């Protein structure tokens, strides 16, 4: 399918590995110039080198914590400086946080709110004026199915995912007349480093029978138990959805949170 976005310019955050890198790869393979953003400069350089092997599209990188002061403006300015425009924004930076109300501290709430919600809002605010000049733009915000089906084991993450879904809907209504479409993807269990680092330890703590299993074994068992399709998803499957949402083929879907969870309403 021709997505109709060759020559467009994009930003993808959290793009050194996992879903963000898969989205960036999908875009460059469709002729989109992409600025990839992540905190780890070494992993970012490796990711950029890999993307350049897939396409002749322009690739730029920016090592930056999206939660740092002024990050939104710095990211957008870097994209416009590199490509002369910004048409597509995929907000993927963030991580999960396991735990309920009684086990979460004020600092946990503060850190996760800035990382998952405030940074997204700031990057959107910086990007939209550039999209308005062309009367064309696409924004995709990565969320979680927990924003629709909350799980008290992941309270902070799911409260903030609900806020992301609301932000997405509200922003979509605000900018629809400017030719800008805004959607979210509610992600379920997907095999990524985020899962390995943040979710699997929590699963092992709550499920003694899984304590001795490898990461792949735990993820396979959780996927089989919790997901109707019987397995965890892949970054490439999420990237394919994102690619359609940011494409010219999508002209009528906006303000939605697309569930991408294999039919599951929870994943732990």
Foldseek 3Di string as FASTA:
>chain_A
DQLAQALAEEEFEPCLWFLSLLLLLVQQLNNYEYEYEEQDPVSQVVSQVVSVVNHVHHYHYDRDQLLDPPNLQVRQVVRCVRRVAYAEYEYDWAFFAFAADVPDDPVNLVVRCSGQPVSVVSNCVNRVVRNLVVLHHEYEYEAALCCVQPDRRRVSRNVSSVVVLVVFLVVQVVCVRSRYAGEYEHEAFEDIVSCVVHPVVVVCVVDVVCVPPDPVVVQQVLQQPFAPVRHGHYSNVVSVVVSNRGGPVDRDDHSYHHYDHNRGSHRD
